[in-house]
Protein backbone atom coordinates (compact mmCIF):
# COMPACT_ATOMS: atom_id res chain seq x y z
CA MET A 1 17.25 -11.76 2.15
CA THR A 2 15.62 -12.52 -1.18
CA ARG A 3 13.07 -9.50 -2.03
CA VAL A 4 10.37 -9.86 -4.33
CA TRP A 5 9.01 -6.65 -4.99
CA ILE A 6 5.64 -6.71 -6.86
CA PRO A 7 3.43 -3.79 -6.58
CA ILE A 8 0.39 -4.70 -5.01
CA VAL A 9 -1.96 -2.54 -2.65
CA GLY A 10 -2.97 -4.00 0.61
CA ALA A 11 -5.89 -2.92 2.82
CA LEU A 12 -7.49 -3.43 5.86
CA ALA A 13 -10.29 -5.48 5.65
CA VAL A 14 -14.12 -4.30 4.80
CA THR A 15 -16.30 -7.28 3.96
CA PHE A 16 -19.48 -6.68 2.27
CA LEU A 17 -22.83 -8.50 2.37
CA VAL A 18 -25.01 -8.43 -0.58
CA ALA A 19 -27.86 -10.27 -1.57
CA PRO A 20 -27.29 -13.51 -3.45
CA VAL A 21 -27.41 -13.75 -7.00
CA PRO A 22 -28.43 -16.81 -8.77
CA ALA A 23 -25.41 -18.00 -10.92
CA ALA A 24 -25.33 -19.41 -14.47
CA GLY A 25 -22.71 -21.61 -15.95
CA PRO A 26 -19.84 -23.53 -14.58
CA GLY A 27 -18.02 -21.95 -11.24
CA ALA A 28 -14.29 -21.78 -10.18
CA VAL A 29 -12.50 -21.77 -7.09
CA VAL A 30 -9.54 -19.23 -5.93
CA THR A 31 -7.53 -19.90 -3.07
CA VAL A 32 -5.45 -17.06 -1.37
CA ARG A 33 -2.26 -17.95 0.76
CA ASN A 34 -0.37 -15.73 3.15
CA PRO A 35 3.27 -16.42 3.18
CA LEU A 36 3.68 -14.37 6.24
CA SER A 37 3.89 -14.80 9.99
CA ILE A 38 1.62 -11.23 10.33
CA ALA A 39 -2.08 -10.41 9.60
CA ARG A 40 -3.19 -8.77 6.23
CA PRO A 41 -6.54 -7.13 6.89
CA ALA A 42 -8.36 -6.34 3.52
CA GLU A 43 -6.06 -7.95 1.16
CA THR A 44 -6.77 -6.79 -2.18
CA ILE A 45 -7.04 -9.84 -4.45
CA VAL A 46 -6.80 -8.72 -8.13
CA ILE A 47 -7.44 -11.33 -10.72
CA SER A 48 -6.76 -10.85 -14.48
CA ALA A 49 -9.56 -11.01 -17.04
CA PRO A 50 -7.42 -13.47 -19.30
CA ASP A 51 -6.51 -15.52 -16.03
CA LEU A 52 -10.11 -15.65 -15.05
CA GLN A 53 -11.46 -16.89 -18.37
CA LYS A 54 -9.20 -19.78 -18.49
CA VAL A 55 -11.36 -21.27 -15.55
CA ILE A 56 -14.56 -19.76 -15.85
CA PRO A 57 -16.19 -18.47 -19.13
CA PHE A 58 -18.25 -14.99 -19.01
CA ASP A 59 -18.97 -12.46 -21.51
CA ASP A 60 -18.87 -9.61 -19.14
CA ILE A 61 -16.31 -9.49 -15.95
CA ARG A 62 -18.57 -7.47 -14.17
CA ARG A 63 -20.87 -10.40 -14.08
CA VAL A 64 -18.52 -12.47 -11.95
CA HIS A 65 -19.47 -12.87 -8.33
CA VAL A 66 -17.41 -13.96 -5.52
CA ARG A 67 -18.59 -15.94 -2.31
CA ASP A 68 -16.41 -16.65 0.66
CA LEU A 69 -17.00 -20.04 1.53
CA GLY A 70 -15.63 -19.79 4.93
CA ALA A 71 -17.96 -17.08 5.70
CA ALA A 72 -20.79 -17.95 3.73
CA ARG A 73 -21.34 -14.88 2.08
CA GLU A 74 -20.98 -13.00 -1.02
CA LEU A 75 -17.95 -10.24 -1.34
CA LEU A 76 -17.97 -6.84 -2.84
CA THR A 77 -16.01 -6.84 -6.22
CA GLN A 78 -15.05 -4.43 -8.58
CA ALA A 79 -14.16 -4.80 -12.19
CA VAL A 80 -11.17 -2.29 -13.60
CA ASP A 81 -10.47 -0.68 -17.02
CA LEU A 82 -6.63 -0.01 -16.64
CA ASN A 83 -6.43 1.82 -19.67
CA ASP A 84 -9.77 3.30 -20.46
CA ASP A 85 -10.24 1.63 -23.53
CA GLY A 86 -13.76 0.60 -22.65
CA LYS A 87 -12.67 -2.99 -21.72
CA PHE A 88 -12.16 -4.45 -18.00
CA GLU A 89 -8.82 -6.03 -17.66
CA GLU A 90 -9.30 -7.20 -14.15
CA ILE A 91 -11.29 -7.97 -11.14
CA LEU A 92 -10.79 -7.41 -7.55
CA PHE A 93 -11.90 -8.24 -3.91
CA GLN A 94 -10.57 -7.64 -0.55
CA VAL A 95 -10.11 -10.40 1.99
CA ASP A 96 -8.97 -10.80 5.76
CA LEU A 97 -5.89 -12.85 5.96
CA GLY A 98 -4.40 -14.14 9.49
CA PRO A 99 -0.90 -15.01 9.91
CA GLY A 100 0.06 -17.89 7.35
CA ASP A 101 -3.77 -18.36 6.67
CA THR A 102 -5.30 -19.68 3.44
CA LYS A 103 -8.76 -19.21 2.22
CA THR A 104 -10.80 -20.32 -0.60
CA PHE A 105 -13.54 -18.31 -2.58
CA GLU A 106 -16.03 -19.62 -5.25
CA LEU A 107 -16.48 -17.57 -8.40
CA SER A 108 -19.68 -17.76 -10.35
CA VAL A 109 -21.62 -15.60 -13.21
CA GLY A 110 -24.71 -14.17 -12.44
CA GLU A 111 -26.48 -10.84 -13.02
CA ARG A 112 -24.52 -8.00 -13.36
CA GLN A 113 -23.80 -6.48 -9.94
CA VAL A 114 -24.93 -2.64 -9.31
CA TYR A 115 -23.89 -1.36 -5.77
CA LYS A 116 -25.39 1.08 -3.65
CA ARG A 117 -24.01 4.53 -2.59
CA GLU A 118 -23.28 3.16 0.89
CA ASP A 119 -21.23 0.45 -0.42
CA PHE A 120 -18.52 2.69 -1.95
CA LYS A 121 -15.57 2.78 0.05
CA ALA A 122 -13.16 4.59 -2.29
CA TYR A 123 -13.90 7.79 -4.39
CA GLY A 124 -12.19 10.73 -6.15
CA ARG A 125 -12.66 13.38 -8.83
CA PHE A 126 -11.67 16.75 -10.41
CA VAL A 127 -12.91 19.69 -8.30
CA ARG A 128 -13.04 22.72 -10.42
CA GLU A 129 -15.30 24.63 -8.15
CA ARG A 130 -12.28 24.70 -5.50
CA ARG A 131 -9.68 26.00 -8.24
CA ASP A 132 -8.90 22.77 -9.85
CA ASP A 133 -8.05 20.38 -7.03
CA PHE A 134 -8.30 16.80 -7.43
CA ALA A 135 -9.54 15.13 -4.17
CA TRP A 136 -9.54 11.34 -3.57
CA GLU A 137 -10.42 9.52 -0.47
CA ASN A 138 -11.33 6.16 0.98
CA ASP A 139 -12.81 4.85 4.36
CA ARG A 140 -9.79 5.98 6.48
CA ILE A 141 -8.17 8.82 4.74
CA ALA A 142 -8.47 12.06 2.15
CA HIS A 143 -6.18 14.01 0.11
CA ARG A 144 -5.91 16.39 -2.46
CA MET A 145 -3.36 17.57 -5.00
CA TYR A 146 -3.65 21.33 -6.69
CA GLY A 147 -4.45 22.00 -10.24
CA ALA A 148 -3.40 24.86 -12.77
CA ALA A 149 -6.15 27.43 -11.57
CA LEU A 150 -4.72 27.49 -7.84
CA GLU A 151 -1.37 29.11 -9.46
CA THR A 152 -2.82 32.20 -10.49
CA TRP A 153 -5.70 32.44 -7.65
CA ALA A 154 -5.95 36.23 -6.49
CA GLN A 155 -6.80 35.48 -2.83
CA GLU A 156 -3.98 32.86 -2.32
CA PRO A 157 -2.22 31.79 -5.21
CA LEU A 158 0.01 28.31 -4.54
CA THR A 159 2.35 26.91 -7.14
CA SER A 160 2.97 23.15 -5.73
CA SER A 161 2.65 19.55 -6.70
CA ALA A 162 2.67 18.52 -2.70
CA VAL A 163 0.38 15.72 -1.48
CA ASP A 164 -2.04 17.39 0.66
CA VAL A 165 -3.70 15.42 3.72
CA TRP A 166 -7.36 15.51 5.11
CA THR A 167 -8.06 13.93 8.37
CA LYS A 168 -10.70 11.63 9.07
CA ARG A 169 -12.75 10.35 12.08
CA VAL A 170 -15.56 8.65 10.04
CA ARG A 171 -15.51 5.75 7.72
CA ARG A 172 -18.01 7.06 5.33
CA LEU A 173 -16.92 9.37 2.27
CA VAL A 174 -16.77 13.07 3.19
CA ILE A 175 -15.11 14.88 0.04
CA ASN A 176 -18.21 15.93 -1.38
CA ASP A 177 -20.05 16.80 1.85
CA TRP A 178 -16.71 19.09 2.90
CA TYR A 179 -16.52 21.01 -0.47
CA MET A 180 -20.28 21.54 -0.31
CA VAL A 181 -20.21 23.07 3.11
CA ASP A 182 -17.03 24.83 2.98
CA ASP A 183 -16.08 24.61 6.47
CA TYR A 184 -13.39 21.73 6.64
CA HIS A 185 -10.91 23.87 8.30
CA ARG A 186 -12.46 23.14 11.52
CA ASP A 187 -13.53 19.55 13.11
CA ASN A 188 -17.24 19.44 13.11
CA GLY A 189 -16.97 15.51 13.92
CA ASP A 190 -16.03 14.45 11.15
CA GLY A 191 -12.30 15.33 10.81
CA GLY A 192 -10.98 18.11 8.52
CA ASP A 193 -8.08 19.79 6.71
CA PHE A 194 -5.70 20.56 9.49
CA TYR A 195 -2.35 20.09 7.26
CA SER A 196 -0.56 22.63 5.71
CA ALA A 197 1.50 21.41 2.79
CA GLY A 198 2.25 24.44 0.87
CA LYS A 199 5.30 24.51 -1.36
CA SER A 200 6.76 21.50 0.59
CA ARG A 201 6.24 17.99 -0.62
CA GLY A 202 3.45 17.41 1.91
CA CYS A 203 2.96 13.55 2.57
CA GLY A 204 4.54 11.88 -0.38
CA GLY A 205 5.07 14.67 -3.26
CA ASN A 206 8.19 13.90 -5.42
CA GLY A 207 10.70 15.96 -7.59
CA ILE A 208 13.70 15.43 -9.66
CA TRP A 209 17.06 15.12 -7.70
CA ASP A 210 20.33 15.91 -8.61
CA GLY A 211 22.24 14.62 -5.48
CA ALA A 212 21.76 18.06 -4.02
CA ARG A 213 18.79 20.21 -5.15
CA LEU A 214 15.22 18.93 -5.52
CA TYR A 215 13.64 20.18 -8.60
CA PRO A 216 9.51 19.73 -8.14
CA SER A 217 7.14 20.27 -11.07
CA ALA A 218 4.15 23.06 -10.86
CA ASN A 219 0.68 22.17 -10.50
CA PHE A 220 -0.94 19.39 -12.49
CA ARG A 221 -2.54 20.55 -16.08
CA ASP A 222 -4.84 17.32 -16.83
CA THR A 223 -6.66 14.47 -14.98
CA ARG A 224 -7.95 11.12 -16.10
CA VAL A 225 -9.88 8.63 -13.56
CA LEU A 226 -9.64 4.90 -14.10
CA ALA A 227 -11.31 3.42 -11.51
CA ASN A 228 -13.85 4.90 -8.94
CA GLY A 229 -14.66 2.33 -6.12
CA PRO A 230 -16.67 0.81 -4.71
CA ILE A 231 -13.09 -0.68 -3.44
CA ARG A 232 -10.34 0.98 -5.54
CA VAL A 233 -9.85 4.74 -6.86
CA MET A 234 -7.13 4.91 -9.27
CA PHE A 235 -6.50 8.23 -11.57
CA GLU A 236 -4.05 10.14 -13.46
CA LEU A 237 -2.40 13.55 -13.18
CA THR A 238 -0.30 15.37 -15.84
CA TYR A 239 2.32 17.72 -15.46
CA LEU A 240 3.82 20.04 -18.13
CA SER A 241 7.54 19.90 -18.72
CA TRP A 242 9.73 21.76 -16.33
CA ASP A 243 13.34 22.80 -16.21
CA VAL A 244 15.99 20.30 -14.21
CA GLY A 245 19.21 22.10 -14.34
CA GLY A 246 18.72 22.69 -18.41
CA THR A 247 17.02 19.42 -18.96
CA LYS A 248 13.32 19.02 -19.60
CA VAL A 249 11.16 16.42 -17.93
CA SER A 250 7.58 16.07 -17.88
CA GLU A 251 5.59 13.60 -15.87
CA MET A 252 2.38 11.56 -15.71
CA LYS A 253 1.39 10.53 -12.17
CA ARG A 254 -0.89 7.36 -11.64
CA ILE A 255 -1.99 7.15 -7.96
CA THR A 256 -3.92 4.37 -6.61
CA LEU A 257 -5.92 3.93 -3.11
CA ASP A 258 -7.74 0.87 -1.93
CA ALA A 259 -10.62 0.67 0.53
CA GLY A 260 -9.29 0.17 4.09
CA GLN A 261 -5.70 1.20 3.89
CA ASN A 262 -3.61 4.40 4.96
CA ILE A 263 -1.03 3.68 2.07
CA ASP A 264 -1.49 5.00 -1.58
CA ARG A 265 0.51 3.63 -4.50
CA PHE A 266 2.12 6.13 -6.76
CA GLU A 267 3.64 5.65 -9.99
CA SER A 268 5.84 8.33 -11.70
CA HIS A 269 6.11 8.24 -15.55
CA TYR A 270 8.64 10.61 -16.43
CA LYS A 271 9.51 11.69 -20.04
CA VAL A 272 13.19 13.45 -20.04
CA ASP A 273 14.80 15.31 -23.12
CA GLY A 274 18.37 14.29 -23.63
CA ALA A 275 19.34 12.28 -20.59
CA SER A 276 20.62 8.94 -19.96
CA SER A 277 19.52 8.21 -16.28
CA LEU A 278 17.42 9.95 -13.74
CA MET A 279 17.10 10.27 -10.16
CA HIS A 280 13.87 11.35 -8.23
CA ALA A 281 13.00 12.16 -4.58
CA VAL A 282 9.96 11.45 -2.58
CA GLY A 283 9.15 13.80 0.46
CA ILE A 284 7.42 14.62 3.78
CA LYS A 285 7.35 18.02 5.08
CA LYS A 286 9.43 18.73 8.04
CA ALA A 287 7.35 19.99 10.51
CA ALA A 288 8.64 21.90 13.66
CA GLY A 289 9.32 19.23 16.38
CA SER A 290 8.61 16.32 14.23
CA THR A 291 10.62 13.19 14.43
CA VAL A 292 11.71 10.72 11.80
CA VAL A 293 13.06 7.12 11.46
CA SER A 294 13.98 5.16 8.58
CA SER A 295 15.06 1.80 7.37
CA ARG A 296 16.90 1.69 4.14
CA GLU A 297 17.22 -2.26 4.49
CA LYS A 298 13.38 -2.15 4.85
CA GLY A 299 12.68 0.51 2.65
CA TRP A 300 10.60 2.90 4.61
CA LEU A 301 10.54 6.30 6.25
CA ARG A 302 8.24 7.53 8.78
CA THR A 303 7.68 10.77 10.52
CA TRP A 304 5.27 11.68 13.52
CA GLU A 305 4.30 15.14 14.25
CA THR A 306 1.77 17.35 16.20
CA MET A 307 -0.89 19.49 14.48
CA LYS A 308 -1.80 22.50 17.13
CA GLY A 309 -5.09 21.64 18.71
CA ASN A 310 -5.47 18.84 16.13
CA GLY A 311 -3.97 15.87 17.31
CA GLN A 312 -0.68 14.04 16.06
CA LEU A 313 -0.27 12.82 12.22
CA GLY A 314 2.42 9.97 10.99
CA CYS A 315 3.33 10.40 7.13
CA ALA A 316 5.44 7.34 5.55
CA ILE A 317 7.21 6.52 2.71
CA ILE A 318 7.88 3.21 1.28
CA MET A 319 10.06 1.92 -1.66
CA ASP A 320 11.76 -0.95 -3.02
CA PRO A 321 15.30 -0.91 -1.36
CA ALA A 322 17.01 -1.92 -4.12
CA VAL A 323 16.16 1.36 -5.91
CA ILE A 324 16.99 4.14 -2.91
CA THR A 325 20.06 5.90 -3.30
CA ASP A 326 19.98 8.31 -0.20
CA VAL A 327 17.63 9.50 2.83
CA THR A 328 18.18 12.93 3.30
CA GLU A 329 16.94 16.46 3.87
CA ALA A 330 16.20 19.30 1.56
CA ASP A 331 14.21 22.51 1.34
CA GLY A 332 12.22 21.73 4.70
CA ASN A 333 11.53 18.14 4.05
CA TYR A 334 12.64 14.62 4.72
CA LEU A 335 13.53 12.69 1.35
CA VAL A 336 13.98 9.40 0.13
CA ALA A 337 16.24 9.60 -2.94
CA ALA A 338 16.02 6.69 -5.35
CA ARG A 339 16.90 5.53 -8.97
CA VAL A 340 14.43 5.91 -11.85
CA PRO A 341 14.05 2.83 -13.83
CA ALA A 342 15.22 3.18 -17.42
CA GLU A 343 12.19 1.66 -18.62
CA GLY A 344 8.78 1.97 -16.97
CA PRO A 345 7.64 4.03 -13.92
CA ALA A 346 9.14 4.96 -10.99
CA VAL A 347 7.09 3.26 -8.03
CA TYR A 348 6.89 4.25 -4.54
CA TYR A 349 4.12 4.29 -1.62
CA ALA A 350 3.17 6.99 0.60
CA GLY A 351 0.44 7.63 3.11
CA PHE A 352 -0.36 8.75 6.70
CA GLY A 353 -2.46 8.13 10.02
CA TRP A 354 -4.09 10.41 12.56
CA ASP A 355 -4.20 9.49 16.55
CA LYS A 356 -7.73 10.71 16.41
CA SER A 357 -8.99 8.22 13.77
CA GLY A 358 -9.32 5.52 16.22
CA ASP A 359 -6.74 3.72 14.43
CA PHE A 360 -3.36 4.77 15.88
CA ALA A 361 -3.00 5.35 19.43
CA GLY A 362 0.72 6.39 19.19
CA VAL A 363 3.74 6.22 17.06
CA GLU A 364 4.56 3.06 18.05
CA ASN A 365 1.15 1.82 16.19
CA TRP A 366 2.07 3.75 13.00
CA GLU A 367 5.44 2.63 12.82
CA ARG A 368 4.63 -0.86 13.30
CA TYR A 369 1.94 -0.49 10.49
CA VAL A 370 4.47 0.90 7.98
CA ASP A 371 6.66 -1.81 8.83
CA GLN A 372 4.09 -4.62 8.39
CA PHE A 373 2.84 -2.72 5.14
CA ALA A 374 6.45 -2.92 3.59
CA GLN A 375 6.83 -6.58 4.55
CA ARG A 376 3.36 -7.28 2.87
CA LEU A 377 4.84 -5.57 -0.34
CA ARG A 378 7.92 -7.66 -0.11
CA ALA A 379 6.20 -11.09 0.36
CA PRO A 380 2.84 -10.79 -1.63
CA VAL A 381 -0.13 -13.37 -1.26
CA THR A 382 -0.19 -16.21 -3.67
CA VAL A 383 -3.27 -16.52 -5.79
CA SER A 384 -4.55 -19.92 -7.21
CA LEU A 385 -7.32 -20.48 -9.80
CA ALA A 386 -9.06 -23.54 -10.51
CA PRO A 387 -12.30 -24.90 -12.16
CA ALA A 388 -14.98 -25.77 -9.31
CA GLU A 389 -14.42 -29.34 -10.06
CA GLY A 390 -10.89 -30.71 -9.70
CA ARG A 391 -9.41 -27.62 -8.71
CA GLU A 392 -6.20 -28.06 -10.79
CA GLY A 393 -5.59 -24.70 -11.89
CA ARG A 394 -2.78 -21.84 -12.42
CA GLU A 395 -0.88 -20.35 -9.54
CA GLY A 396 0.24 -16.74 -9.48
CA ARG A 397 0.78 -13.79 -7.57
CA GLU A 398 -1.35 -11.06 -6.41
CA GLY A 399 -1.12 -7.45 -8.27
CA GLY A 400 -2.74 -4.05 -8.43
């Protein structure tokens, strides 16, 4: 099988209707094609500013509107500044694609769109009032990771770079409400924090791997938010150097989550003192009674466990099969070990599903979702751009 591993973020469709805005200047057309025989709900379509500028002139990419020609409605869009330099490098929107489907969208330039609070389906922030959490969510799932202050908290100190899980029954955003009320360990109808990550890897935490031992970092020390809805949340966490068998390693982790999906994208940017090669491992806590299934050929591992009194939870890790070196266990975790590229970040995907969310009736549904998500990564949609007249344009791959 020929593998095309282009990091994308796919998501369940969330189509938003906004009031039409009169367009100014010439338009353009974007055509999206699904090469797979499976549905791709809420695929995130990303178009770079330079590519878009070649087919439609604009002075601010935030003024670009996307209209679904088939449904005759305007879609929610989001401009993204990838490096926090004040310039927006890309615009994204989401679309539902059926098996082998092709859809066409019209681009125009109008007034800058400003969305309402209820339009936002992805969000994250640093939570100083809870001892340096960073919490993030979309309309399906929520997470948090732990900052420096938690290491020395007198009541319950914890040193861990685990990925924690907050399960949700509702599509609305809950982070701010849950922290404000501070009663999120009980299910008051929205879901809750029922997962204990502790010092494990939680649901997608990582560490350096030497073939036999896992070396995780301590808690993060700095944060930077690059995108904060309405469709995508993207942020960075910085970890100070730690000892890996006599070698010092530091990490900057970039995490991306899009509306409508149960899987996050992780990029680990490692800096290593004096090492020519590096391996890392991504893990899921091995809970009592949990089951695990993996496919190295397809690049995924999934678990399924019972949370006492709070339903059942599935976690998953997805990677490019070409970089995986081992699937193993260590320190109470199921692990997927992989080579770290000599240049560029180590990329992986991880996330979870809850049977009380209404999206996964059981483990079979969860495994199907994970397998199809991996298929979507291996076979990205194609995206072609053209001026509104003639429609002779460029063709490329989706990115995210």
